[in-house]
Amino acid sequence: MTGTEGETSSTSGLALRCALGGVMMGLANLVPGISGGTMLLAAGVYPRFIKAIRDVTTFRFTAESLVVLTVVGLCAGGAVVLLSGTVKGLVVGHRWIMYSLFIGLTLGGVPVIWRLIKTPTSSVWAGAAAGFVGMGIVAIIQAQGGGGGASNDGFLWMLAAGVAGASAMILPGISGGYLLLIMGTYVPILGGIDAAKEAVKAGDFGGLMGPVTSVVVPVGIGVLVGIAVVSNLIGRLLDRYEKPTLGVLLGLLVGAVLGLWPFQRAVKPALGSMFKGREVTETLLAELKPEKYPNEFFDPTLGQIVIALGLIVIGFGITMLVARVGRTGSEHADV
């Protein structure tokens, strides 16, 4: 193989992994509890994604950085726009199946980050422990229903939601969707995206202005700000404190699974019960959508356990396959 052919193959492999990682990132950020950064780690493009953002935000425009950002951004955005309703419906209606698959997808990123660590040190293990404990605390809060879920809107609040969501999207193990949920903006944002999509399909540009000005623009600005700030921070930490930072990322990656126990389901609250400080009446029940129902754990059947384990293995295999596509040397050497 000539040098030109090898370079073309390497670029094609990187673009393919970026495309797969972008789609996985977009899907992950539609689901509270799943981290988009985790999916980029699983796809093996996380360090290059961070480097690409650092390059662009410091006005160093290289061909590789532009390819990485363009492909990841377009694929992630496309997945969010096209599949937001579908993914939300699958998670609400088939939570244990989807969570089992997401566990496998998440754990598939462990070998990727372990390869970046190369030789573990005491600082790696300390960082990993800290990251794991942090995600364990988040999982406990989730299990107890912390954060609420009331809807909030307004330009500044949506701007803040974009910053928070993007920050968590970049940081592996932290779910952007979950932060949006506890801020009360998860459903309004998905609703705004769906409304904008339907308005475009119908050619109703007058109806498009509402969701664009109230959701798309403020959230979009917040996402850009969050990505730029957090990615540069992580990049600098990797430069100065590589081992402990990678250890923390490893802990976050493994700990993210704690919040994804698959055998849980949404349960319609009973009349007369209390829901988020309010008595459940027929009026309130009629207003509640299934995605806002409280969750409860259930005892799985043997068949469900077997299927869940199979889906975990499938998810793990997918991310391992993605990480191997076009892999050339150490990913972290370019950061």
C-alpha atoms as a PDB file:
ATOM      1  CA  MET A   1       0.000   0.000   0.000  1.00  0.00           C
ATOM      2  CA  THR A   2       1.384   3.412  -0.958  1.00  0.00           C
ATOM      3  CA  GLY A   3       1.558   6.350   1.417  1.00  0.00           C
ATOM      4  CA  THR A   4      -1.341   8.070  -0.344  1.00  0.00           C
ATOM      5  CA  GLU A   5      -3.489   4.942  -0.241  1.00  0.00           C
ATOM      6  CA  GLY A   6      -2.697   4.426   3.442  1.00  0.00           C
ATOM      7  CA  GLU A   7      -3.602   8.032   4.247  1.00  0.00           C
ATOM      8  CA  THR A   8      -6.868   7.732   2.311  1.00  0.00           C
ATOM      9  CA  SER A   9      -7.728   4.498   4.128  1.00  0.00           C
ATOM     10  CA  SER A  10      -6.935   6.103   7.482  1.00  0.00           C
ATOM     11  CA  THR A  11      -9.109   9.141   6.685  1.00  0.00           C
ATOM     12  CA  SER A  12     -11.967   6.925   5.506  1.00  0.00           C
ATOM     13  CA  GLY A  13     -11.749   4.807   8.657  1.00  0.00           C
ATOM     14  CA  LEU A  14     -11.740   7.902  10.853  1.00  0.00           C
ATOM     15  CA  ALA A  15     -14.726   9.359   8.998  1.00  0.00           C
ATOM     16  CA  LEU A  16     -16.659   6.094   9.396  1.00  0.00           C
ATOM     17  CA  ARG A  17     -15.934   5.907  13.122  1.00  0.00           C
ATOM     18  CA  CYS A  18     -16.917   9.573  13.466  1.00  0.00           C
ATOM     19  CA  ALA A  19     -20.182   8.885  11.640  1.00  0.00           C
ATOM     20  CA  LEU A  20     -21.017   5.893  13.844  1.00  0.00           C
ATOM     21  CA  GLY A  21     -19.922   7.740  16.969  1.00  0.00           C
ATOM     22  CA  GLY A  22     -22.001  10.773  15.973  1.00  0.00           C
ATOM     23  CA  VAL A  23     -25.143   8.696  15.475  1.00  0.00           C
ATOM     24  CA  MET A  24     -24.570   6.917  18.794  1.00  0.00           C
ATOM     25  CA  MET A  25     -23.926  10.282  20.461  1.00  0.00           C
ATOM     26  CA  GLY A  26     -27.152  11.721  19.083  1.00  0.00           C
ATOM     27  CA  LEU A  27     -29.159   8.695  20.179  1.00  0.00           C
ATOM     28  CA  ALA A  28     -27.531   8.719  23.609  1.00  0.00           C
ATOM     29  CA  ASN A  29     -28.407  12.344  24.207  1.00  0.00           C
ATOM     30  CA  LEU A  30     -32.049  11.577  23.533  1.00  0.00           C
ATOM     31  CA  VAL A  31     -32.125   9.241  26.522  1.00  0.00           C
ATOM     32  CA  PRO A  32     -31.802  10.412  30.146  1.00  0.00           C
ATOM     33  CA  GLY A  33     -29.121   8.313  31.822  1.00  0.00           C
ATOM     34  CA  ILE A  34     -26.954   7.807  28.720  1.00  0.00           C
ATOM     35  CA  SER A  35     -23.885   9.936  27.995  1.00  0.00           C
ATOM     36  CA  GLY A  36     -23.021  11.138  24.509  1.00  0.00           C
ATOM     37  CA  GLY A  37     -19.392  11.458  25.541  1.00  0.00           C
ATOM     38  CA  THR A  38     -19.464   7.799  26.539  1.00  0.00           C
ATOM     39  CA  MET A  39     -20.547   6.870  23.022  1.00  0.00           C
ATOM     40  CA  LEU A  40     -17.694   8.866  21.479  1.00  0.00           C
ATOM     41  CA  LEU A  41     -15.309   7.059  23.822  1.00  0.00           C
ATOM     42  CA  ALA A  42     -16.834   3.759  22.756  1.00  0.00           C
ATOM     43  CA  ALA A  43     -16.381   4.666  19.089  1.00  0.00           C
ATOM     44  CA  GLY A  44     -12.723   5.519  19.734  1.00  0.00           C
ATOM     45  CA  VAL A  45     -12.931   9.133  18.540  1.00  0.00           C
ATOM     46  CA  TYR A  46     -13.320  11.019  21.815  1.00  0.00           C
ATOM     47  CA  PRO A  47      -9.739  12.364  22.096  1.00  0.00           C
ATOM     48  CA  ARG A  48      -9.756  13.483  18.468  1.00  0.00           C
ATOM     49  CA  PHE A  49     -13.157  15.138  18.954  1.00  0.00           C
ATOM     50  CA  ILE A  50     -11.818  17.097  21.935  1.00  0.00           C
ATOM     51  CA  LYS A  51      -8.700  18.033  19.970  1.00  0.00           C
ATOM     52  CA  ALA A  52     -10.797  19.133  16.981  1.00  0.00           C
ATOM     53  CA  ILE A  53     -12.877  21.479  19.128  1.00  0.00           C
ATOM     54  CA  ARG A  54      -9.751  22.894  20.726  1.00  0.00           C
ATOM     55  CA  ASP A  55      -8.243  23.483  17.286  1.00  0.00           C
ATOM     56  CA  VAL A  56     -11.297  25.253  15.903  1.00  0.00           C
ATOM     57  CA  THR A  57     -11.925  27.378  18.994  1.00  0.00           C
ATOM     58  CA  THR A  58      -8.316  28.560  18.876  1.00  0.00           C
ATOM     59  CA  PHE A  59      -8.571  29.229  15.115  1.00  0.00           C
ATOM     60  CA  ARG A  60      -6.331  26.337  14.065  1.00  0.00           C
ATOM     61  CA  PHE A  61      -8.272  24.845  11.162  1.00  0.00           C
ATOM     62  CA  THR A  62      -6.779  21.509  10.121  1.00  0.00           C
ATOM     63  CA  ALA A  63      -8.326  19.094   7.652  1.00  0.00           C
ATOM     64  CA  GLU A  64      -8.650  16.335  10.262  1.00  0.00           C
ATOM     65  CA  SER A  65     -10.317  18.602  12.816  1.00  0.00           C
ATOM     66  CA  LEU A  66     -12.820  19.866  10.265  1.00  0.00           C
ATOM     67  CA  VAL A  67     -13.637  16.301   9.150  1.00  0.00           C
ATOM     68  CA  VAL A  68     -14.129  15.121  12.746  1.00  0.00           C
ATOM     69  CA  LEU A  69     -16.366  18.031  13.784  1.00  0.00           C
ATOM     70  CA  THR A  70     -18.391  18.053  10.565  1.00  0.00           C
ATOM     71  CA  VAL A  71     -19.093  14.323  10.489  1.00  0.00           C
ATOM     72  CA  VAL A  72     -19.803  13.966  14.224  1.00  0.00           C
ATOM     73  CA  GLY A  73     -21.945  17.109  14.285  1.00  0.00           C
ATOM     74  CA  LEU A  74     -24.031  16.250  11.221  1.00  0.00           C
ATOM     75  CA  CYS A  75     -24.596  12.634  12.266  1.00  0.00           C
ATOM     76  CA  ALA A  76     -25.431  13.519  15.878  1.00  0.00           C
ATOM     77  CA  GLY A  77     -27.770  16.330  14.818  1.00  0.00           C
ATOM     78  CA  GLY A  78     -29.417  14.141  12.201  1.00  0.00           C
ATOM     79  CA  ALA A  79     -30.016  11.370  14.729  1.00  0.00           C
ATOM     80  CA  VAL A  80     -31.602  13.823  17.185  1.00  0.00           C
ATOM     81  CA  VAL A  81     -33.884  15.418  14.578  1.00  0.00           C
ATOM     82  CA  LEU A  82     -34.934  12.230  12.813  1.00  0.00           C
ATOM     83  CA  LEU A  83     -35.177   9.814  15.721  1.00  0.00           C
ATOM     84  CA  SER A  84     -36.168  11.886  18.752  1.00  0.00           C
ATOM     85  CA  GLY A  85     -39.776  10.676  18.750  1.00  0.00           C
ATOM     86  CA  THR A  86     -38.868   7.060  17.969  1.00  0.00           C
ATOM     87  CA  VAL A  87     -36.187   6.728  20.637  1.00  0.00           C
ATOM     88  CA  LYS A  88     -38.326   8.387  23.269  1.00  0.00           C
ATOM     89  CA  GLY A  89     -41.149   5.978  22.452  1.00  0.00           C
ATOM     90  CA  LEU A  90     -38.875   2.926  22.632  1.00  0.00           C
ATOM     91  CA  VAL A  91     -37.400   3.969  25.961  1.00  0.00           C
ATOM     92  CA  VAL A  92     -40.799   4.739  27.461  1.00  0.00           C
ATOM     93  CA  GLY A  93     -42.434   1.569  26.118  1.00  0.00           C
ATOM     94  CA  HIS A  94     -39.516  -0.891  26.186  1.00  0.00           C
ATOM     95  CA  ARG A  95     -37.180   0.493  28.805  1.00  0.00           C
ATOM     96  CA  TRP A  96     -35.588  -2.767  29.949  1.00  0.00           C
ATOM     97  CA  ILE A  97     -34.721  -3.780  26.391  1.00  0.00           C
ATOM     98  CA  MET A  98     -33.227  -0.415  25.472  1.00  0.00           C
ATOM     99  CA  TYR A  99     -31.331  -0.051  28.763  1.00  0.00           C
ATOM    100  CA  SER A 100     -29.822  -3.537  28.364  1.00  0.00           C
ATOM    101  CA  LEU A 101     -28.522  -2.570  24.931  1.00  0.00           C
ATOM    102  CA  PHE A 102     -27.200   0.751  26.255  1.00  0.00           C
ATOM    103  CA  ILE A 103     -25.333  -1.032  29.066  1.00  0.00           C
ATOM    104  CA  GLY A 104     -23.459  -3.079  26.484  1.00  0.00           C
ATOM    105  CA  LEU A 105     -22.772  -0.043  24.326  1.00  0.00           C
ATOM    106  CA  THR A 106     -21.409   1.809  27.357  1.00  0.00           C
ATOM    107  CA  LEU A 107     -19.203  -1.016  28.642  1.00  0.00           C
ATOM    108  CA  GLY A 108     -17.788  -1.475  25.157  1.00  0.00           C
ATOM    109  CA  GLY A 109     -15.943   1.792  25.680  1.00  0.00           C
ATOM    110  CA  VAL A 110     -13.890   0.429  28.595  1.00  0.00           C
ATOM    111  CA  PRO A 111     -11.262  -1.305  26.393  1.00  0.00           C
ATOM    112  CA  VAL A 112     -11.003   1.909  24.355  1.00  0.00           C
ATOM    113  CA  ILE A 113     -10.105   4.120  27.310  1.00  0.00           C
ATOM    114  CA  TRP A 114      -7.975   1.369  28.836  1.00  0.00           C
ATOM    115  CA  ARG A 115      -5.871   1.427  25.674  1.00  0.00           C
ATOM    116  CA  LEU A 116      -5.414   5.180  26.149  1.00  0.00           C
ATOM    117  CA  ILE A 117      -4.239   4.626  29.729  1.00  0.00           C
ATOM    118  CA  LYS A 118      -1.601   2.068  28.589  1.00  0.00           C
ATOM    119  CA  THR A 119       0.114   1.611  31.969  1.00  0.00           C
ATOM    120  CA  PRO A 120      -2.168   2.138  34.989  1.00  0.00           C
ATOM    121  CA  THR A 121      -0.734   4.052  37.933  1.00  0.00           C
ATOM    122  CA  SER A 122      -1.985   4.869  41.419  1.00  0.00           C
ATOM    123  CA  SER A 123      -3.315   8.192  40.103  1.00  0.00           C
ATOM    124  CA  VAL A 124      -5.339   6.298  37.478  1.00  0.00           C
ATOM    125  CA  TRP A 125      -6.962   4.091  40.121  1.00  0.00           C
ATOM    126  CA  ALA A 126      -7.627   7.066  42.401  1.00  0.00           C
ATOM    127  CA  GLY A 127      -9.235   8.975  39.554  1.00  0.00           C
ATOM    128  CA  ALA A 128     -11.263   5.924  38.535  1.00  0.00           C
ATOM    129  CA  ALA A 129     -12.540   5.488  42.089  1.00  0.00           C
ATOM    130  CA  ALA A 130     -13.541   9.146  42.265  1.00  0.00           C
ATOM    131  CA  GLY A 131     -15.361   8.962  38.928  1.00  0.00           C
ATOM    132  CA  PHE A 132     -17.139   5.738  39.891  1.00  0.00           C
ATOM    133  CA  VAL A 133     -18.285   7.118  43.245  1.00  0.00           C
ATOM    134  CA  GLY A 134     -19.508  10.282  41.561  1.00  0.00           C
ATOM    135  CA  MET A 135     -21.624   8.313  39.118  1.00  0.00           C
ATOM    136  CA  GLY A 136     -22.877   6.152  41.978  1.00  0.00           C
ATOM    137  CA  ILE A 137     -24.171   9.276  43.723  1.00  0.00           C
ATOM    138  CA  VAL A 138     -25.889  10.380  40.510  1.00  0.00           C
ATOM    139  CA  ALA A 139     -27.471   6.912  40.173  1.00  0.00           C
ATOM    140  CA  ILE A 140     -28.823   7.091  43.744  1.00  0.00           C
ATOM    141  CA  ILE A 141     -30.346  10.506  43.051  1.00  0.00           C
ATOM    142  CA  GLN A 142     -31.926   9.140  39.880  1.00  0.00           C
ATOM    143  CA  ALA A 143     -33.333   6.106  41.690  1.00  0.00           C
ATOM    144  CA  GLN A 144     -34.904   8.348  44.317  1.00  0.00           C
ATOM    145  CA  GLY A 145     -36.474  10.512  41.630  1.00  0.00           C
ATOM    146  CA  GLY A 146     -34.392  13.566  42.465  1.00  0.00           C
ATOM    147  CA  GLY A 147     -34.613  16.695  40.423  1.00  0.00           C
ATOM    148  CA  GLY A 148     -38.237  16.727  39.567  1.00  0.00           C
ATOM    149  CA  GLY A 149     -39.468  17.135  36.064  1.00  0.00           C
ATOM    150  CA  ALA A 150     -41.565  20.237  35.826  1.00  0.00           C
ATOM    151  CA  SER A 151     -41.520  22.026  32.510  1.00  0.00           C
ATOM    152  CA  ASN A 152     -39.564  25.249  32.293  1.00  0.00           C
ATOM    153  CA  ASP A 153     -39.132  27.567  29.360  1.00  0.00           C
ATOM    154  CA  GLY A 154     -37.923  31.061  28.587  1.00  0.00           C
ATOM    155  CA  PHE A 155     -34.945  32.075  26.443  1.00  0.00           C
ATOM    156  CA  LEU A 156     -32.380  32.301  29.259  1.00  0.00           C
ATOM    157  CA  TRP A 157     -33.474  29.025  30.853  1.00  0.00           C
ATOM    158  CA  MET A 158     -33.289  27.248  27.487  1.00  0.00           C
ATOM    159  CA  LEU A 159     -29.850  28.811  26.937  1.00  0.00           C
ATOM    160  CA  ALA A 160     -28.728  27.459  30.322  1.00  0.00           C
ATOM    161  CA  ALA A 161     -30.193  24.061  29.419  1.00  0.00           C
ATOM    162  CA  GLY A 162     -28.151  24.022  26.229  1.00  0.00           C
ATOM    163  CA  VAL A 163     -24.948  24.789  28.142  1.00  0.00           C
ATOM    164  CA  ALA A 164     -25.671  22.133  30.782  1.00  0.00           C
ATOM    165  CA  GLY A 165     -26.714  19.515  28.237  1.00  0.00           C
ATOM    166  CA  ALA A 166     -23.672  20.094  26.034  1.00  0.00           C
ATOM    167  CA  SER A 167     -21.311  20.032  29.010  1.00  0.00           C
ATOM    168  CA  ALA A 168     -22.656  16.668  30.094  1.00  0.00           C
ATOM    169  CA  MET A 169     -22.659  15.495  26.470  1.00  0.00           C
ATOM    170  CA  ILE A 170     -18.907  16.101  26.279  1.00  0.00           C
ATOM    171  CA  LEU A 171     -18.119  14.596  29.691  1.00  0.00           C
ATOM    172  CA  PRO A 172     -18.294  10.782  29.518  1.00  0.00           C
ATOM    173  CA  GLY A 173     -20.562   9.202  32.105  1.00  0.00           C
ATOM    174  CA  ILE A 174     -22.740  12.285  32.633  1.00  0.00           C
ATOM    175  CA  SER A 175     -26.061  12.247  30.817  1.00  0.00           C
ATOM    176  CA  GLY A 176     -27.063  15.450  29.067  1.00  0.00           C
ATOM    177  CA  GLY A 177     -30.603  14.141  28.762  1.00  0.00           C
ATOM    178  CA  TYR A 178     -30.752  13.545  32.517  1.00  0.00           C
ATOM    179  CA  LEU A 179     -29.611  17.077  33.292  1.00  0.00           C
ATOM    180  CA  LEU A 180     -32.286  18.401  30.946  1.00  0.00           C
ATOM    181  CA  LEU A 181     -34.834  16.216  32.707  1.00  0.00           C
ATOM    182  CA  ILE A 182     -34.028  17.538  36.180  1.00  0.00           C
ATOM    183  CA  MET A 183     -34.021  21.108  34.804  1.00  0.00           C
ATOM    184  CA  GLY A 184     -37.527  20.527  33.468  1.00  0.00           C
ATOM    185  CA  THR A 185     -36.485  21.175  29.850  1.00  0.00           C
ATOM    186  CA  TYR A 186     -36.225  17.624  28.471  1.00  0.00           C
ATOM    187  CA  VAL A 187     -39.792  17.343  27.210  1.00  0.00           C
ATOM    188  CA  PRO A 188     -40.055  20.994  26.030  1.00  0.00           C
ATOM    189  CA  ILE A 189     -36.850  20.623  24.006  1.00  0.00           C
ATOM    190  CA  LEU A 190     -37.910  17.344  22.383  1.00  0.00           C
ATOM    191  CA  GLY A 191     -41.321  18.872  21.758  1.00  0.00           C
ATOM    192  CA  GLY A 192     -39.750  21.942  20.174  1.00  0.00           C
ATOM    193  CA  ILE A 193     -37.573  19.809  17.897  1.00  0.00           C
ATOM    194  CA  ASP A 194     -40.578  17.723  16.830  1.00  0.00           C
ATOM    195  CA  ALA A 195     -42.664  20.845  16.240  1.00  0.00           C
ATOM    196  CA  ALA A 196     -39.930  22.428  14.115  1.00  0.00           C
ATOM    197  CA  LYS A 197     -39.526  19.224  12.119  1.00  0.00           C
ATOM    198  CA  GLU A 198     -43.257  18.919  11.467  1.00  0.00           C
ATOM    199  CA  ALA A 199     -43.490  22.596  10.492  1.00  0.00           C
ATOM    200  CA  VAL A 200     -40.717  22.148   7.924  1.00  0.00           C
ATOM    201  CA  LYS A 201     -42.360  19.015   6.528  1.00  0.00           C
ATOM    202  CA  ALA A 202     -45.675  20.855   6.207  1.00  0.00           C
ATOM    203  CA  GLY A 203     -44.059  23.953   4.725  1.00  0.00           C
ATOM    204  CA  ASP A 204     -45.530  26.007   7.572  1.00  0.00           C
ATOM    205  CA  PHE A 205     -42.746  28.554   8.013  1.00  0.00           C
ATOM    206  CA  GLY A 206     -44.973  30.761  10.151  1.00  0.00           C
ATOM    207  CA  GLY A 207     -45.436  27.894  12.575  1.00  0.00           C
ATOM    208  CA  LEU A 208     -41.699  27.236  12.443  1.00  0.00           C
ATOM    209  CA  MET A 209     -40.823  30.553  14.046  1.00  0.00           C
ATOM    210  CA  GLY A 210     -42.256  29.645  17.461  1.00  0.00           C
ATOM    211  CA  PRO A 211     -40.131  26.546  18.200  1.00  0.00           C
ATOM    212  CA  VAL A 212     -37.097  28.061  16.472  1.00  0.00           C
ATOM    213  CA  THR A 213     -37.040  31.227  18.580  1.00  0.00           C
ATOM    214  CA  SER A 214     -38.125  29.602  21.845  1.00  0.00           C
ATOM    215  CA  VAL A 215     -36.130  26.335  21.663  1.00  0.00           C
ATOM    216  CA  VAL A 216     -33.798  25.826  18.711  1.00  0.00           C
ATOM    217  CA  VAL A 217     -31.915  29.145  18.850  1.00  0.00           C
ATOM    218  CA  PRO A 218     -31.319  29.434  22.628  1.00  0.00           C
ATOM    219  CA  VAL A 219     -30.513  25.741  23.047  1.00  0.00           C
ATOM    220  CA  GLY A 220     -28.257  25.820  19.998  1.00  0.00           C
ATOM    221  CA  ILE A 221     -26.290  28.791  21.338  1.00  0.00           C
ATOM    222  CA  GLY A 222     -25.985  27.115  24.729  1.00  0.00           C
ATOM    223  CA  VAL A 223     -24.752  23.879  23.145  1.00  0.00           C
ATOM    224  CA  LEU A 224     -22.012  25.697  21.236  1.00  0.00           C
ATOM    225  CA  VAL A 225     -20.878  27.541  24.376  1.00  0.00           C
ATOM    226  CA  GLY A 226     -20.939  24.380  26.514  1.00  0.00           C
ATOM    227  CA  ILE A 227     -19.028  22.282  23.995  1.00  0.00           C
ATOM    228  CA  ALA A 228     -16.332  24.927  23.502  1.00  0.00           C
ATOM    229  CA  VAL A 229     -15.744  25.548  27.213  1.00  0.00           C
ATOM    230  CA  VAL A 230     -15.864  21.973  28.522  1.00  0.00           C
ATOM    231  CA  SER A 231     -13.908  20.402  25.679  1.00  0.00           C
ATOM    232  CA  ASN A 232     -11.070  22.894  26.109  1.00  0.00           C
ATOM    233  CA  LEU A 233     -11.035  22.244  29.859  1.00  0.00           C
ATOM    234  CA  ILE A 234     -10.846  18.466  29.351  1.00  0.00           C
ATOM    235  CA  GLY A 235      -8.153  18.899  26.709  1.00  0.00           C
ATOM    236  CA  ARG A 236      -6.003  20.927  29.084  1.00  0.00           C
ATOM    237  CA  LEU A 237      -6.508  18.406  31.877  1.00  0.00           C
ATOM    238  CA  LEU A 238      -5.405  15.627  29.530  1.00  0.00           C
ATOM    239  CA  ASP A 239      -2.327  17.662  28.625  1.00  0.00           C
ATOM    240  CA  ARG A 240      -1.312  18.432  32.212  1.00  0.00           C
ATOM    241  CA  TYR A 241      -2.758  15.561  34.251  1.00  0.00           C
ATOM    242  CA  GLU A 242      -3.179  12.761  31.727  1.00  0.00           C
ATOM    243  CA  LYS A 243      -3.226   9.706  33.997  1.00  0.00           C
ATOM    244  CA  PRO A 244      -5.642  10.929  36.703  1.00  0.00           C
ATOM    245  CA  THR A 245      -7.916  12.504  34.073  1.00  0.00           C
ATOM    246  CA  LEU A 246      -8.103   9.252  32.107  1.00  0.00           C
ATOM    247  CA  GLY A 247      -8.722   7.448  35.396  1.00  0.00           C
ATOM    248  CA  VAL A 248     -11.674   9.712  36.157  1.00  0.00           C
ATOM    249  CA  LEU A 249     -13.050   9.138  32.653  1.00  0.00           C
ATOM    250  CA  LEU A 250     -12.729   5.375  33.169  1.00  0.00           C
ATOM    251  CA  GLY A 251     -14.593   5.592  36.472  1.00  0.00           C
ATOM    252  CA  LEU A 252     -17.326   7.703  34.920  1.00  0.00           C
ATOM    253  CA  LEU A 253     -17.650   5.234  32.061  1.00  0.00           C
ATOM    254  CA  VAL A 254     -18.036   2.183  34.318  1.00  0.00           C
ATOM    255  CA  GLY A 255     -20.135   4.051  36.878  1.00  0.00           C
ATOM    256  CA  ALA A 256     -22.580   5.214  34.213  1.00  0.00           C
ATOM    257  CA  VAL A 257     -23.934   1.665  34.114  1.00  0.00           C
ATOM    258  CA  LEU A 258     -25.175   2.005  37.714  1.00  0.00           C
ATOM    259  CA  GLY A 259     -27.961   4.313  36.552  1.00  0.00           C
ATOM    260  CA  LEU A 260     -29.030   1.926  33.788  1.00  0.00           C
ATOM    261  CA  TRP A 261     -30.462  -1.008  35.736  1.00  0.00           C
ATOM    262  CA  PRO A 262     -32.728  -2.332  32.987  1.00  0.00           C
ATOM    263  CA  PHE A 263     -35.503  -3.943  34.992  1.00  0.00           C
ATOM    264  CA  GLN A 264     -37.554  -0.846  35.714  1.00  0.00           C
ATOM    265  CA  ARG A 265     -40.710   0.548  34.168  1.00  0.00           C
ATOM    266  CA  ALA A 266     -42.887   3.620  34.197  1.00  0.00           C
ATOM    267  CA  VAL A 267     -46.020   3.219  36.300  1.00  0.00           C
ATOM    268  CA  LYS A 268     -49.122   5.349  35.963  1.00  0.00           C
ATOM    269  CA  PRO A 269     -49.724   7.077  39.317  1.00  0.00           C
ATOM    270  CA  ALA A 270     -52.898   6.103  41.141  1.00  0.00           C
ATOM    271  CA  LEU A 271     -55.689   8.568  41.819  1.00  0.00           C
ATOM    272  CA  GLY A 272     -55.284  10.129  45.244  1.00  0.00           C
ATOM    273  CA  SER A 273     -51.562   9.392  45.472  1.00  0.00           C
ATOM    274  CA  MET A 274     -48.928  12.108  45.697  1.00  0.00           C
ATOM    275  CA  PHE A 275     -46.828  12.911  42.645  1.00  0.00           C
ATOM    276  CA  LYS A 276     -44.053  15.505  42.983  1.00  0.00           C
ATOM    277  CA  GLY A 277     -45.828  17.224  45.844  1.00  0.00           C
ATOM    278  CA  ARG A 278     -49.256  17.247  44.182  1.00  0.00           C
ATOM    279  CA  GLU A 279     -52.256  15.018  44.740  1.00  0.00           C
ATOM    280  CA  VAL A 280     -53.046  12.990  41.640  1.00  0.00           C
ATOM    281  CA  THR A 281     -56.459  13.997  40.328  1.00  0.00           C
ATOM    282  CA  GLU A 282     -58.197  13.012  37.100  1.00  0.00           C
ATOM    283  CA  THR A 283     -57.200  16.380  35.634  1.00  0.00           C
ATOM    284  CA  LEU A 284     -53.536  15.946  36.551  1.00  0.00           C
ATOM    285  CA  LEU A 285     -53.553  12.348  35.329  1.00  0.00           C
ATOM    286  CA  ALA A 286     -54.956  13.433  31.976  1.00  0.00           C
ATOM    287  CA  GLU A 287     -52.137  15.989  31.630  1.00  0.00           C
ATOM    288  CA  LEU A 288     -49.355  13.533  32.461  1.00  0.00           C
ATOM    289  CA  LYS A 289     -47.574  11.908  29.554  1.00  0.00           C
ATOM    290  CA  PRO A 290     -46.122   8.369  29.942  1.00  0.00           C
ATOM    291  CA  GLU A 291     -42.546   9.676  29.912  1.00  0.00           C
ATOM    292  CA  LYS A 292     -43.327  11.605  33.117  1.00  0.00           C
ATOM    293  CA  TYR A 293     -44.667   8.588  35.030  1.00  0.00           C
ATOM    294  CA  PRO A 294     -42.602   7.529  38.062  1.00  0.00           C
ATOM    295  CA  ASN A 295     -40.402   4.448  37.653  1.00  0.00           C
ATOM    296  CA  GLU A 296     -40.423   1.281  39.709  1.00  0.00           C
ATOM    297  CA  PHE A 297     -38.137  -1.747  39.710  1.00  0.00           C
ATOM    298  CA  PHE A 298     -39.608  -5.150  38.912  1.00  0.00           C
ATOM    299  CA  ASP A 299     -38.485  -8.780  39.220  1.00  0.00           C
ATOM    300  CA  PRO A 300     -37.496 -10.015  35.766  1.00  0.00           C
ATOM    301  CA  THR A 301     -38.392 -13.438  34.397  1.00  0.00           C
ATOM    302  CA  LEU A 302     -35.672 -15.875  33.418  1.00  0.00           C
ATOM    303  CA  GLY A 303     -36.380 -15.104  29.765  1.00  0.00           C
ATOM    304  CA  GLN A 304     -35.968 -11.370  30.331  1.00  0.00           C
ATOM    305  CA  ILE A 305     -32.648 -11.940  32.114  1.00  0.00           C
ATOM    306  CA  VAL A 306     -31.349 -14.067  29.238  1.00  0.00           C
ATOM    307  CA  ILE A 307     -32.470 -11.514  26.641  1.00  0.00           C
ATOM    308  CA  ALA A 308     -30.967  -8.662  28.652  1.00  0.00           C
ATOM    309  CA  LEU A 309     -27.612 -10.452  28.891  1.00  0.00           C
ATOM    310  CA  GLY A 310     -27.732 -11.148  25.171  1.00  0.00           C
ATOM    311  CA  LEU A 311     -28.417  -7.487  24.397  1.00  0.00           C
ATOM    312  CA  ILE A 312     -25.553  -6.424  26.671  1.00  0.00           C
ATOM    313  CA  VAL A 313     -23.218  -8.732  24.758  1.00  0.00           C
ATOM    314  CA  ILE A 314     -24.530  -7.401  21.431  1.00  0.00           C
ATOM    315  CA  GLY A 315     -24.077  -3.794  22.549  1.00  0.00           C
ATOM    316  CA  PHE A 316     -20.577  -4.534  23.798  1.00  0.00           C
ATOM    317  CA  GLY A 317     -19.724  -6.200  20.505  1.00  0.00           C
ATOM    318  CA  ILE A 318     -21.028  -3.259  18.491  1.00  0.00           C
ATOM    319  CA  THR A 319     -18.851  -0.735  20.283  1.00  0.00           C
ATOM    320  CA  MET A 320     -15.834  -3.024  20.096  1.00  0.00           C
ATOM    321  CA  LEU A 321     -16.386  -3.390  16.351  1.00  0.00           C
ATOM    322  CA  VAL A 322     -16.785   0.356  15.939  1.00  0.00           C
ATOM    323  CA  ALA A 323     -13.577   0.968  17.881  1.00  0.00           C
ATOM    324  CA  ARG A 324     -11.661  -1.371  15.582  1.00  0.00           C
ATOM    325  CA  VAL A 325     -12.840   0.203  12.330  1.00  0.00           C
ATOM    326  CA  GLY A 326      -9.946   2.079  10.786  1.00  0.00           C
ATOM    327  CA  ARG A 327      -8.004   2.136  14.082  1.00  0.00           C
ATOM    328  CA  THR A 328      -4.508   3.449  13.537  1.00  0.00           C
ATOM    329  CA  GLY A 329      -2.147   3.504  16.490  1.00  0.00           C
ATOM    330  CA  SER A 330      -2.870   5.211  19.758  1.00  0.00           C
ATOM    331  CA  GLU A 331      -5.859   7.549  19.678  1.00  0.00           C
ATOM    332  CA  HIS A 332      -4.450   9.719  22.430  1.00  0.00           C
ATOM    333  CA  ALA A 333      -1.235  10.434  20.580  1.00  0.00           C
ATOM    334  CA  ASP A 334      -3.070  13.145  18.642  1.00  0.00           C
ATOM    335  CA  VAL A 335      -4.550  14.955  21.625  1.00  0.00           C
END
